[in-house]
């Protein structure tokens, strides 16, 4: 199995920092799994983690900070925010 940059790992090793691709994949998976009525617009690096913007089916934008680099904590935060905002 190649570890070339074009092939992203299916999961992030325990304790490893999330890359932009990891965050995008995580958010997209959560949107599909939970059936949230939104689509991911952008993920940008920030000094304390990531800034995420999604567009709700209504057209409203939801912007939030994802202040963690750990996959499990990020998943919990994303679900909580999207459930509250959508």
N, C-alpha and C. Protein backbone atom coordinates (compact mmCIF):
# COMPACT_ATOMS: atom_id res chain seq x y z
N UNK A 1 0.84 -1.18 0.00
CA UNK A 1 0.00 0.00 0.00
C UNK A 1 0.88 1.23 0.00
N UNK A 2 0.60 2.15 -0.88
CA UNK A 2 1.39 3.37 -1.02
C UNK A 2 0.98 4.41 0.00
N UNK A 3 1.94 5.18 0.49
CA UNK A 3 1.62 6.27 1.40
C UNK A 3 1.84 7.60 0.70
N UNK A 4 1.56 7.64 -0.60
CA UNK A 4 1.73 8.87 -1.37
C UNK A 4 0.76 9.93 -0.89
N UNK A 5 1.07 11.21 -1.10
CA UNK A 5 0.21 12.29 -0.62
C UNK A 5 -1.17 12.30 -1.27
N UNK A 6 -1.34 11.69 -2.44
CA UNK A 6 -2.63 11.68 -3.11
C UNK A 6 -3.63 10.76 -2.43
N UNK A 7 -3.16 9.81 -1.67
CA UNK A 7 -4.03 8.84 -1.02
C UNK A 7 -4.11 9.18 0.46
N UNK A 8 -5.29 9.62 0.88
CA UNK A 8 -5.48 9.99 2.29
C UNK A 8 -5.82 8.74 3.09
N UNK A 9 -5.33 8.65 4.32
CA UNK A 9 -5.67 7.50 5.15
C UNK A 9 -7.15 7.50 5.49
N UNK A 10 -7.71 6.32 5.72
CA UNK A 10 -9.13 6.20 6.06
C UNK A 10 -9.42 6.79 7.43
N UNK A 11 -8.46 6.75 8.32
CA UNK A 11 -8.65 7.31 9.65
C UNK A 11 -7.35 7.96 10.10
N UNK A 12 -7.49 8.77 11.13
CA UNK A 12 -6.33 9.48 11.66
C UNK A 12 -5.79 8.69 12.84
N UNK A 13 -4.48 8.44 12.89
CA UNK A 13 -3.92 7.73 14.03
C UNK A 13 -4.23 8.44 15.34
N UNK A 14 -4.41 7.68 16.39
CA UNK A 14 -4.73 8.24 17.71
C UNK A 14 -3.74 9.32 18.09
N UNK A 15 -4.26 10.51 18.40
CA UNK A 15 -3.40 11.60 18.85
C UNK A 15 -2.77 12.42 17.74
N UNK A 16 -2.91 11.98 16.47
CA UNK A 16 -2.30 12.72 15.37
C UNK A 16 -3.15 13.94 15.04
N UNK A 17 -2.50 15.01 14.62
CA UNK A 17 -3.20 16.23 14.24
C UNK A 17 -3.97 16.01 12.96
N UNK A 18 -5.14 16.63 12.88
CA UNK A 18 -5.97 16.53 11.69
C UNK A 18 -5.47 17.48 10.62
N UNK A 19 -5.45 17.01 9.39
CA UNK A 19 -5.12 17.88 8.26
C UNK A 19 -6.43 18.48 7.74
N UNK A 20 -6.32 19.44 6.83
CA UNK A 20 -7.50 20.04 6.23
C UNK A 20 -8.34 18.96 5.55
N UNK A 21 -7.70 18.06 4.83
CA UNK A 21 -8.42 16.96 4.17
C UNK A 21 -9.16 16.09 5.17
N UNK A 22 -8.52 15.82 6.31
CA UNK A 22 -9.15 15.01 7.36
C UNK A 22 -10.42 15.69 7.87
N UNK A 23 -10.31 17.00 8.12
CA UNK A 23 -11.46 17.76 8.65
C UNK A 23 -12.58 17.78 7.61
N UNK A 24 -12.26 18.04 6.36
CA UNK A 24 -13.27 18.05 5.30
C UNK A 24 -13.97 16.70 5.20
N UNK A 25 -13.21 15.62 5.20
CA UNK A 25 -13.77 14.27 5.10
C UNK A 25 -14.66 13.97 6.32
N UNK A 26 -14.21 14.36 7.50
CA UNK A 26 -14.97 14.13 8.72
C UNK A 26 -16.30 14.86 8.68
N UNK A 27 -16.29 16.12 8.28
CA UNK A 27 -17.53 16.91 8.21
C UNK A 27 -18.47 16.33 7.16
N UNK A 28 -17.96 16.01 5.99
CA UNK A 28 -18.81 15.44 4.94
C UNK A 28 -19.44 14.12 5.39
N UNK A 29 -18.67 13.29 6.07
CA UNK A 29 -19.19 12.02 6.57
C UNK A 29 -20.30 12.24 7.60
N UNK A 30 -20.09 13.20 8.49
CA UNK A 30 -21.10 13.50 9.52
C UNK A 30 -22.38 14.02 8.87
N UNK A 31 -22.25 14.90 7.88
CA UNK A 31 -23.42 15.44 7.18
C UNK A 31 -24.24 14.30 6.57
N UNK A 32 -23.57 13.36 5.93
CA UNK A 32 -24.27 12.23 5.31
C UNK A 32 -24.85 11.30 6.37
N UNK A 33 -24.05 10.91 7.35
CA UNK A 33 -24.49 9.97 8.38
C UNK A 33 -25.71 10.48 9.14
N UNK A 34 -25.69 11.76 9.49
CA UNK A 34 -26.76 12.35 10.30
C UNK A 34 -27.90 12.94 9.47
N UNK A 35 -27.71 13.01 8.17
CA UNK A 35 -28.74 13.56 7.31
C UNK A 35 -28.96 15.06 7.50
N UNK A 36 -27.90 15.76 7.87
CA UNK A 36 -28.00 17.20 8.06
C UNK A 36 -28.27 17.88 6.72
N UNK A 37 -29.14 18.86 6.72
CA UNK A 37 -29.47 19.59 5.52
C UNK A 37 -28.51 20.73 5.26
N UNK A 38 -27.30 20.37 4.90
CA UNK A 38 -26.29 21.40 4.63
C UNK A 38 -25.20 20.82 3.75
N UNK A 39 -24.33 21.71 3.28
CA UNK A 39 -23.17 21.27 2.51
C UNK A 39 -21.95 22.06 2.98
N UNK A 40 -20.83 21.41 2.94
CA UNK A 40 -19.58 22.03 3.37
C UNK A 40 -19.13 23.03 2.31
N UNK A 41 -18.81 24.25 2.75
CA UNK A 41 -18.28 25.26 1.83
C UNK A 41 -16.77 25.41 1.97
N UNK A 42 -16.28 25.50 3.23
CA UNK A 42 -14.84 25.68 3.38
C UNK A 42 -14.35 25.26 4.75
N UNK A 43 -13.07 24.91 4.77
CA UNK A 43 -12.33 24.64 6.00
C UNK A 43 -11.03 25.40 5.87
N UNK A 44 -10.78 26.30 6.81
CA UNK A 44 -9.56 27.11 6.79
C UNK A 44 -8.82 26.96 8.11
N UNK A 45 -7.52 26.87 8.03
CA UNK A 45 -6.71 26.79 9.22
C UNK A 45 -6.81 28.07 10.03
N UNK A 46 -6.83 27.93 11.34
CA UNK A 46 -6.86 29.07 12.26
C UNK A 46 -5.81 28.81 13.33
N UNK A 47 -5.47 29.83 14.08
CA UNK A 47 -4.42 29.69 15.08
C UNK A 47 -4.76 28.65 16.15
N UNK A 48 -6.05 28.45 16.40
CA UNK A 48 -6.45 27.50 17.45
C UNK A 48 -7.14 26.26 16.91
N UNK A 49 -7.06 26.01 15.61
CA UNK A 49 -7.70 24.84 15.02
C UNK A 49 -8.14 25.12 13.60
N UNK A 50 -9.47 25.08 13.38
CA UNK A 50 -10.03 25.24 12.03
C UNK A 50 -11.24 26.14 12.07
N UNK A 51 -11.47 26.88 11.00
CA UNK A 51 -12.71 27.64 10.81
C UNK A 51 -13.49 26.92 9.72
N UNK A 52 -14.74 26.59 10.02
CA UNK A 52 -15.57 25.82 9.11
C UNK A 52 -16.79 26.64 8.72
N UNK A 53 -17.16 26.57 7.44
CA UNK A 53 -18.38 27.22 6.96
C UNK A 53 -19.19 26.18 6.19
N UNK A 54 -20.46 26.05 6.58
CA UNK A 54 -21.39 25.18 5.86
C UNK A 54 -22.59 26.02 5.43
N UNK A 55 -23.25 25.60 4.35
CA UNK A 55 -24.46 26.28 3.88
C UNK A 55 -25.64 25.36 4.15
N UNK A 56 -26.61 25.88 4.91
CA UNK A 56 -27.83 25.14 5.20
C UNK A 56 -28.71 25.11 3.96
N UNK A 57 -29.66 24.17 3.92
CA UNK A 57 -30.60 24.08 2.81
C UNK A 57 -31.38 25.38 2.62
N UNK A 58 -31.55 26.14 3.70
CA UNK A 58 -32.27 27.41 3.65
C UNK A 58 -31.44 28.51 2.99
N UNK A 59 -30.15 28.23 2.79
CA UNK A 59 -29.25 29.23 2.22
C UNK A 59 -28.43 29.95 3.27
N UNK A 60 -28.80 29.81 4.52
CA UNK A 60 -28.05 30.44 5.60
C UNK A 60 -26.67 29.81 5.75
N UNK A 61 -25.70 30.65 6.12
CA UNK A 61 -24.36 30.15 6.38
C UNK A 61 -24.19 29.90 7.87
N UNK A 62 -23.53 28.80 8.17
CA UNK A 62 -23.18 28.48 9.55
C UNK A 62 -21.66 28.45 9.61
N UNK A 63 -21.09 29.32 10.43
CA UNK A 63 -19.65 29.41 10.57
C UNK A 63 -19.31 29.05 12.02
N UNK A 64 -18.30 28.18 12.18
CA UNK A 64 -17.90 27.83 13.53
C UNK A 64 -16.42 27.49 13.58
N UNK A 65 -15.87 27.64 14.77
CA UNK A 65 -14.48 27.28 15.02
C UNK A 65 -14.44 25.85 15.53
N UNK A 66 -13.49 25.11 15.03
CA UNK A 66 -13.26 23.75 15.48
C UNK A 66 -11.92 23.77 16.20
N UNK A 67 -11.95 23.98 17.52
CA UNK A 67 -10.71 24.25 18.27
C UNK A 67 -9.94 23.02 18.70
N UNK A 68 -9.97 21.97 17.91
CA UNK A 68 -9.26 20.76 18.30
C UNK A 68 -8.57 20.15 17.09
N UNK A 69 -7.55 19.41 17.36
CA UNK A 69 -6.85 18.69 16.30
C UNK A 69 -7.01 17.18 16.47
N UNK A 70 -7.90 16.77 17.39
CA UNK A 70 -8.13 15.35 17.63
C UNK A 70 -9.45 14.93 17.00
N UNK A 71 -9.44 13.83 16.26
CA UNK A 71 -10.61 13.40 15.48
C UNK A 71 -11.85 13.13 16.34
N UNK A 72 -11.70 12.45 17.45
CA UNK A 72 -12.87 12.11 18.27
C UNK A 72 -13.51 13.37 18.84
N UNK A 73 -12.71 14.26 19.38
CA UNK A 73 -13.23 15.51 19.94
C UNK A 73 -13.82 16.38 18.83
N UNK A 74 -13.20 16.39 17.66
CA UNK A 74 -13.71 17.17 16.54
C UNK A 74 -15.07 16.65 16.12
N UNK A 75 -15.24 15.33 16.04
CA UNK A 75 -16.52 14.73 15.64
C UNK A 75 -17.63 15.17 16.60
N UNK A 76 -17.38 15.10 17.89
CA UNK A 76 -18.38 15.48 18.89
C UNK A 76 -18.75 16.95 18.73
N UNK A 77 -17.76 17.80 18.57
CA UNK A 77 -18.00 19.24 18.41
C UNK A 77 -18.81 19.53 17.16
N UNK A 78 -18.46 18.92 16.05
CA UNK A 78 -19.17 19.14 14.78
C UNK A 78 -20.63 18.74 14.91
N UNK A 79 -20.89 17.57 15.45
CA UNK A 79 -22.27 17.09 15.61
C UNK A 79 -23.06 18.05 16.50
N UNK A 80 -22.50 18.44 17.63
CA UNK A 80 -23.19 19.34 18.55
C UNK A 80 -23.53 20.67 17.88
N UNK A 81 -22.58 21.24 17.16
CA UNK A 81 -22.82 22.53 16.52
C UNK A 81 -23.85 22.42 15.41
N UNK A 82 -23.72 21.42 14.55
CA UNK A 82 -24.66 21.29 13.46
C UNK A 82 -26.07 20.98 13.96
N UNK A 83 -26.19 20.17 14.99
CA UNK A 83 -27.51 19.90 15.56
C UNK A 83 -28.14 21.18 16.12
N UNK A 84 -27.35 22.03 16.73
CA UNK A 84 -27.86 23.27 17.32
C UNK A 84 -28.19 24.33 16.27
N UNK A 85 -27.43 24.35 15.18
CA UNK A 85 -27.56 25.43 14.20
C UNK A 85 -28.46 25.12 13.01
N UNK A 86 -28.72 23.85 12.74
CA UNK A 86 -29.52 23.51 11.56
C UNK A 86 -30.94 23.14 11.93
